[in-house]
Amino acid sequence: MKNILLFADPGIDDSIAIMYALLHPEINVTGIVTGYGNVDKEHATNNVAYLLKLANREDVPIIGGATRPMTGDFPTFYPEIHGPEGLGPIRPPDEFTGTLDNISIIFDIINKYPDLTIVDVGRKTSLAIAYLLNSDEINNINEFYIMGGAFLVPGNVTPYAEANFYGDPLASQIIVQNLSNVIIVPLNVSNKAIVTMDVVEEIQKASNNPLIELLDEVMEYYINAYKKIIPEINGAPLHDVLTLSLLMNTEMGRSISRDVTLNEEEPAKGQSLADFRIGSERSKKGTEIYLDFDYSKFLNDFINIMSSPLQKDKKKE
């Protein structure tokens, strides 16, 4: 069983990643840290509360993360991709407002689960704050799976930068420069994790759990948003789900060990950099960058997990 602490900013892609984690029989979600990113912190928190209610997992703590980047800039949101409140056309009922635990709960979770893995699929501000609050505790984490960056390809919010690293390059720099055993799933890999409506229909035919009932509406919205940008695309990439899938199926991907740094200033703000030349040195901190993955294995894993029944035995009594 993998004990994970998930940092997210849901957002459609993050929300589907949360579904995947809650449905996976070998994942124990110890908490979810919500912050700004695809939407503001309030909507992200309410979306998490709604998903946990549908999954009958209200025992999972929702932990209050950051409201804006470390630079102090007002964050940019993406309603054209994720909808005005983060779940495309779906608005959680008013009673699903998340009650937040203090960020200090992170350290209680770390102490409770010595084998903990942190998975961060949102902006990196909340994780960087946790590191600055108690670097010794954060350095005790077993491994960090990070969705962010773009190597050897254009970005998705600027010609140079991927959204998570661009959203707070200072926080992202703190993560990649200071933490050991960081595994990065960048845009050049996650852009290939395309899921189509045919796949969604297959999953919904195999499942009757309340989480999956949302899947067609949110994915249709998400796919249509991508088609406005890339008309020839036949689905939408699930960047954050791929990060979790690679965590649980490490043999599915191919990675390289290199240290990473970021540009923090315009015009290349948020650009992720690594030395990929032949003969360049391996990472001194154990940072791994995914370069490729087996798409068919990813798709099979996604279908199998999302078609699974809710794991009632994982709920804490």
Protein backbone atom coordinates (compact mmCIF):
# COMPACT_ATOMS: atom_id res chain seq x y z
CA MET A 1 0.00 0.00 0.00
CA LYS A 2 1.33 3.45 -0.96
CA ASN A 3 0.62 6.16 1.59
CA ILE A 4 0.42 9.46 -0.28
CA LEU A 5 -0.12 13.07 0.69
CA LEU A 6 -1.58 14.81 -2.34
CA PHE A 7 -1.10 18.51 -3.20
CA ALA A 8 -3.61 19.68 -5.81
CA ASP A 9 -5.50 22.63 -7.29
CA PRO A 10 -8.62 21.04 -8.83
CA GLY A 11 -9.21 21.75 -11.78
CA ILE A 12 -10.57 18.96 -13.97
CA ASP A 13 -7.29 17.08 -14.37
CA ASP A 14 -6.53 17.26 -10.64
CA SER A 15 -10.08 16.13 -9.83
CA ILE A 16 -9.74 13.04 -12.02
CA ALA A 17 -6.38 12.34 -10.37
CA ILE A 18 -8.11 12.51 -6.97
CA MET A 19 -10.72 10.03 -8.25
CA TYR A 20 -7.94 7.71 -9.44
CA ALA A 21 -6.19 7.87 -6.06
CA LEU A 22 -9.38 7.22 -4.09
CA LEU A 23 -10.32 4.29 -6.32
CA HIS A 24 -6.88 2.68 -6.43
CA PRO A 25 -6.80 -0.39 -4.16
CA GLU A 26 -3.08 0.15 -3.41
CA ILE A 27 -3.21 3.87 -2.56
CA ASN A 28 -4.04 5.28 0.86
CA VAL A 29 -4.72 9.01 0.60
CA THR A 30 -3.56 10.41 3.94
CA GLY A 31 -4.61 13.98 3.16
CA ILE A 32 -5.19 16.47 0.35
CA VAL A 33 -3.60 19.93 0.41
CA THR A 34 -5.63 22.41 -1.62
CA GLY A 35 -4.36 25.68 -3.00
CA TYR A 36 -4.74 28.17 -5.82
CA GLY A 37 -3.84 27.19 -9.37
CA ASN A 38 -6.37 26.16 -11.97
CA VAL A 39 -8.96 27.92 -9.80
CA ASP A 40 -8.77 29.87 -6.55
CA LYS A 41 -8.20 28.10 -3.24
CA GLU A 42 -11.86 28.32 -2.17
CA HIS A 43 -13.20 26.58 -5.27
CA ALA A 44 -10.37 24.03 -5.20
CA THR A 45 -11.24 23.20 -1.59
CA ASN A 46 -14.96 22.90 -2.29
CA ASN A 47 -14.27 20.58 -5.24
CA VAL A 48 -12.16 18.31 -3.03
CA ALA A 49 -14.88 18.26 -0.34
CA TYR A 50 -17.46 17.30 -2.99
CA LEU A 51 -15.32 14.48 -4.41
CA LEU A 52 -14.59 13.09 -0.93
CA LYS A 53 -18.31 13.12 -0.12
CA LEU A 54 -19.14 11.23 -3.33
CA ALA A 55 -16.43 8.70 -2.49
CA ASN A 56 -17.65 8.37 1.13
CA ARG A 57 -14.15 9.40 2.24
CA GLU A 58 -14.85 12.44 4.37
CA ASP A 59 -12.31 11.02 6.82
CA VAL A 60 -9.52 12.29 4.53
CA PRO A 61 -8.24 15.62 5.91
CA ILE A 62 -8.38 18.66 3.62
CA ILE A 63 -5.41 20.86 4.42
CA GLY A 64 -5.29 24.56 3.65
CA GLY A 65 -2.56 25.50 1.19
CA ALA A 66 -1.49 28.74 -0.46
CA THR A 67 -3.75 31.40 -1.94
CA ARG A 68 -1.12 33.01 -4.17
CA PRO A 69 2.49 32.55 -5.30
CA MET A 70 5.53 33.42 -3.18
CA THR A 71 6.21 36.39 -5.44
CA GLY A 72 3.01 37.98 -4.12
CA ASP A 73 1.61 38.29 -7.63
CA PHE A 74 -2.09 37.73 -8.15
CA PRO A 75 -2.47 34.25 -9.65
CA THR A 76 -3.78 33.57 -13.14
CA PHE A 77 -6.70 31.15 -13.34
CA TYR A 78 -7.86 29.14 -16.36
CA PRO A 79 -11.68 29.04 -16.55
CA GLU A 80 -11.49 28.45 -20.30
CA ILE A 81 -9.88 25.06 -19.58
CA HIS A 82 -11.42 24.00 -16.26
CA GLY A 83 -14.63 26.03 -16.04
CA PRO A 84 -15.26 28.96 -13.69
CA GLU A 85 -15.25 26.77 -10.57
CA GLY A 86 -12.91 23.98 -11.67
CA LEU A 87 -15.22 21.09 -12.56
CA GLY A 88 -16.22 22.23 -16.02
CA PRO A 89 -20.03 22.50 -16.18
CA ILE A 90 -20.52 21.02 -12.71
CA ARG A 91 -20.98 23.18 -9.64
CA PRO A 92 -20.89 21.39 -6.28
CA PRO A 93 -23.97 21.99 -4.14
CA ASP A 94 -23.61 24.87 -1.67
CA GLU A 95 -23.35 22.56 1.33
CA PHE A 96 -20.07 21.11 0.05
CA THR A 97 -17.73 23.72 1.43
CA GLY A 98 -14.45 22.33 2.63
CA THR A 99 -13.42 22.65 6.27
CA LEU A 100 -9.68 23.16 6.25
CA ASP A 101 -7.11 21.73 8.63
CA ASN A 102 -4.08 23.88 9.41
CA ILE A 103 -1.01 23.29 7.26
CA SER A 104 0.79 22.01 10.36
CA ILE A 105 -1.24 18.79 9.98
CA ILE A 106 1.24 17.91 7.21
CA PHE A 107 3.90 17.23 9.82
CA ASP A 108 1.57 15.02 11.86
CA ILE A 109 0.96 12.95 8.72
CA ILE A 110 4.70 12.73 8.01
CA ASN A 111 5.32 11.42 11.52
CA LYS A 112 2.46 8.92 11.27
CA TYR A 113 3.59 7.46 7.92
CA PRO A 114 7.39 6.99 7.76
CA ASP A 115 7.10 5.63 4.20
CA LEU A 116 5.04 8.60 2.96
CA THR A 117 5.17 9.75 -0.66
CA ILE A 118 4.24 13.33 -1.50
CA VAL A 119 2.53 13.81 -4.87
CA ASP A 120 2.25 17.43 -6.01
CA VAL A 121 0.22 18.01 -9.17
CA GLY A 122 -0.51 21.70 -8.61
CA ARG A 123 1.41 24.92 -8.12
CA LYS A 124 4.41 24.29 -5.86
CA THR A 125 3.78 27.10 -3.38
CA SER A 126 2.20 25.01 -0.62
CA LEU A 127 4.94 22.38 -0.69
CA ALA A 128 7.65 25.05 -0.68
CA ILE A 129 5.99 26.70 2.32
CA ALA A 130 5.93 23.37 4.15
CA TYR A 131 9.64 22.97 3.39
CA LEU A 132 10.43 26.46 4.72
CA LEU A 133 8.37 25.81 7.86
CA ASN A 134 10.18 22.57 8.69
CA SER A 135 12.84 21.47 6.23
CA ASP A 136 14.01 18.62 8.46
CA GLU A 137 10.57 16.97 8.42
CA ILE A 138 10.09 17.46 4.69
CA ASN A 139 13.55 16.04 4.01
CA ASN A 140 12.43 12.85 5.76
CA ILE A 141 9.88 12.17 3.02
CA ASN A 142 10.50 8.95 1.11
CA GLU A 143 9.97 10.43 -2.37
CA PHE A 144 8.28 13.31 -4.20
CA TYR A 145 6.34 12.86 -7.42
CA ILE A 146 5.98 16.24 -9.12
CA MET A 147 3.94 17.17 -12.18
CA GLY A 148 5.65 20.19 -13.67
CA GLY A 149 8.10 21.56 -16.16
CA ALA A 150 8.68 21.09 -19.87
CA PHE A 151 11.97 19.77 -21.20
CA LEU A 152 13.00 20.04 -24.86
CA VAL A 153 9.44 21.09 -25.84
CA PRO A 154 7.45 24.37 -25.71
CA GLY A 155 5.46 25.24 -22.63
CA ASN A 156 1.68 25.35 -22.39
CA VAL A 157 1.25 28.85 -20.90
CA THR A 158 4.25 30.55 -22.52
CA PRO A 159 6.65 29.45 -25.27
CA TYR A 160 9.00 28.31 -22.49
CA ALA A 161 7.04 27.29 -19.41
CA GLU A 162 4.55 24.73 -18.12
CA ALA A 163 1.71 26.06 -15.93
CA ASN A 164 2.70 24.61 -12.54
CA PHE A 165 6.30 25.86 -12.71
CA TYR A 166 5.28 29.15 -14.31
CA GLY A 167 2.62 29.79 -11.65
CA ASP A 168 5.30 30.09 -8.95
CA PRO A 169 8.85 29.72 -10.27
CA LEU A 170 10.33 30.76 -6.91
CA ALA A 171 8.53 27.93 -5.09
CA SER A 172 9.36 25.49 -7.88
CA GLN A 173 13.01 26.45 -7.64
CA ILE A 174 12.99 25.77 -3.89
CA ILE A 175 11.62 22.29 -4.57
CA VAL A 176 14.02 21.22 -7.32
CA GLN A 177 17.09 22.77 -5.69
CA ASN A 178 16.58 21.56 -2.11
CA LEU A 179 14.67 18.27 -2.07
CA SER A 180 16.16 14.86 -2.71
CA ASN A 181 14.45 11.95 -4.49
CA VAL A 182 12.24 14.17 -6.63
CA ILE A 183 10.64 12.45 -9.62
CA ILE A 184 9.38 14.91 -12.23
CA VAL A 185 6.63 14.11 -14.73
CA PRO A 186 6.97 16.97 -17.23
CA LEU A 187 4.77 18.28 -20.00
CA ASN A 188 6.77 16.57 -22.75
CA VAL A 189 5.61 13.26 -21.28
CA SER A 190 2.19 14.11 -19.83
CA ASN A 191 0.99 15.72 -23.06
CA LYS A 192 0.88 12.19 -24.51
CA ALA A 193 -1.48 10.83 -21.82
CA ILE A 194 -4.55 11.38 -23.99
CA VAL A 195 -7.93 10.06 -22.86
CA THR A 196 -10.88 10.10 -25.28
CA MET A 197 -14.63 10.05 -24.74
CA ASP A 198 -14.69 6.44 -25.95
CA VAL A 199 -12.53 5.52 -22.96
CA VAL A 200 -14.79 7.49 -20.64
CA GLU A 201 -17.86 5.65 -21.98
CA GLU A 202 -16.12 2.30 -21.46
CA ILE A 203 -15.38 3.20 -17.83
CA GLN A 204 -18.90 4.40 -17.15
CA LYS A 205 -20.38 1.18 -18.53
CA ALA A 206 -18.21 -0.80 -16.12
CA SER A 207 -18.84 1.35 -13.04
CA ASN A 208 -21.81 2.64 -11.10
CA ASN A 209 -20.00 4.52 -8.35
CA PRO A 210 -20.96 8.19 -7.79
CA LEU A 211 -17.49 9.53 -8.61
CA ILE A 212 -17.57 8.12 -12.12
CA GLU A 213 -21.00 9.57 -12.84
CA LEU A 214 -19.26 12.96 -13.19
CA LEU A 215 -16.62 11.75 -15.59
CA ASP A 216 -18.42 12.22 -18.92
CA GLU A 217 -19.50 15.81 -18.26
CA VAL A 218 -16.13 17.03 -16.99
CA MET A 219 -14.15 15.20 -19.69
CA GLU A 220 -16.38 16.46 -22.49
CA TYR A 221 -15.83 20.02 -21.25
CA TYR A 222 -12.08 19.42 -20.93
CA ILE A 223 -11.75 17.84 -24.38
CA ASN A 224 -13.72 20.65 -26.03
CA ALA A 225 -11.44 23.18 -24.34
CA TYR A 226 -8.39 21.42 -25.77
CA LYS A 227 -9.94 21.22 -29.23
CA LYS A 228 -10.14 25.02 -29.31
CA ILE A 229 -6.36 25.08 -28.89
CA ILE A 230 -5.48 21.92 -30.88
CA PRO A 231 -8.34 21.26 -33.34
CA GLU A 232 -6.96 17.86 -34.43
CA ILE A 233 -6.82 16.41 -30.89
CA ASN A 234 -9.29 13.57 -30.22
CA GLY A 235 -9.17 13.69 -26.43
CA ALA A 236 -7.40 15.55 -23.64
CA PRO A 237 -4.17 14.84 -21.73
CA LEU A 238 -4.49 13.81 -18.08
CA HIS A 239 -1.17 15.16 -16.81
CA ASP A 240 -1.91 14.60 -13.12
CA VAL A 241 -3.36 11.12 -13.52
CA LEU A 242 -0.23 10.07 -15.40
CA THR A 243 1.87 11.22 -12.43
CA LEU A 244 -0.03 8.89 -10.09
CA SER A 245 -0.04 6.08 -12.64
CA LEU A 246 3.75 6.27 -12.98
CA LEU A 247 4.10 6.27 -9.20
CA MET A 248 2.17 3.00 -9.06
CA ASN A 249 3.69 1.51 -12.25
CA THR A 250 7.31 2.64 -12.35
CA GLU A 251 8.19 0.06 -15.00
CA MET A 252 5.78 1.84 -17.36
CA GLY A 253 8.08 4.82 -17.88
CA ARG A 254 11.65 5.74 -18.82
CA SER A 255 13.51 8.43 -16.91
CA ILE A 256 16.92 10.09 -16.70
CA SER A 257 18.80 11.35 -13.64
CA ARG A 258 19.66 15.05 -13.95
CA ASP A 259 19.66 18.10 -11.69
CA VAL A 260 17.05 20.73 -12.58
CA THR A 261 16.96 24.49 -12.30
CA LEU A 262 14.42 27.14 -13.29
CA ASN A 263 14.41 30.53 -14.90
CA GLU A 264 12.66 32.94 -12.54
CA GLU A 265 12.57 36.04 -14.73
CA GLU A 266 10.74 37.06 -17.90
CA PRO A 267 10.69 36.33 -20.77
CA ALA A 268 11.56 32.74 -19.79
CA LYS A 269 9.87 32.76 -16.37
CA GLY A 270 9.11 29.21 -15.22
CA GLN A 271 11.30 27.52 -17.83
CA SER A 272 12.74 24.23 -16.55
CA LEU A 273 16.33 23.44 -17.46
CA ALA A 274 18.52 20.34 -17.31
CA ASP A 275 21.69 19.18 -19.04
CA PHE A 276 20.77 16.41 -21.48
CA ARG A 277 24.08 16.32 -23.36
CA ILE A 278 25.76 12.95 -23.83
CA GLY A 279 28.10 12.39 -20.91
CA SER A 280 26.45 14.98 -18.66
CA GLU A 281 26.36 14.18 -14.95
CA ARG A 282 23.65 12.32 -13.11
CA SER A 283 21.68 14.22 -10.49
CA LYS A 284 23.51 14.70 -7.20
CA LYS A 285 20.16 14.83 -5.35
CA GLY A 286 18.53 11.84 -6.98
CA THR A 287 16.20 13.88 -9.23
CA GLU A 288 14.62 11.80 -12.00
CA ILE A 289 12.97 13.30 -15.09
CA TYR A 290 10.56 11.14 -17.04
CA LEU A 291 11.24 11.15 -20.77
CA ASP A 292 8.70 8.63 -22.05
CA PHE A 293 6.08 6.07 -21.02
CA ASP A 294 4.11 3.16 -22.44
CA TYR A 295 0.82 4.73 -23.52
CA SER A 296 -1.10 1.47 -23.90
CA LYS A 297 -0.12 0.40 -20.37
CA PHE A 298 -1.17 3.78 -19.02
CA LEU A 299 -4.53 3.57 -20.75
CA ASN A 300 -5.17 0.04 -19.46
CA ASP A 301 -4.21 1.11 -15.95
CA PHE A 302 -6.50 4.15 -16.12
CA ILE A 303 -9.46 2.08 -17.32
CA ASN A 304 -8.91 -0.64 -14.73
CA ILE A 305 -8.56 1.72 -11.76
CA MET A 306 -11.38 4.06 -12.75
CA SER A 307 -13.67 1.04 -13.26
CA SER A 308 -12.91 -0.26 -9.76
CA PRO A 309 -15.44 -0.18 -6.93
CA LEU A 310 -14.92 2.28 -4.10
CA GLN A 311 -12.44 0.88 -1.61
CA LYS A 312 -14.61 0.87 1.52
CA ASP A 313 -11.98 -1.00 3.55
CA LYS A 314 -9.58 1.94 3.17
CA LYS A 315 -11.89 4.27 5.09
CA LYS A 316 -10.66 4.88 8.60
CA GLU A 317 -13.17 3.93 11.25
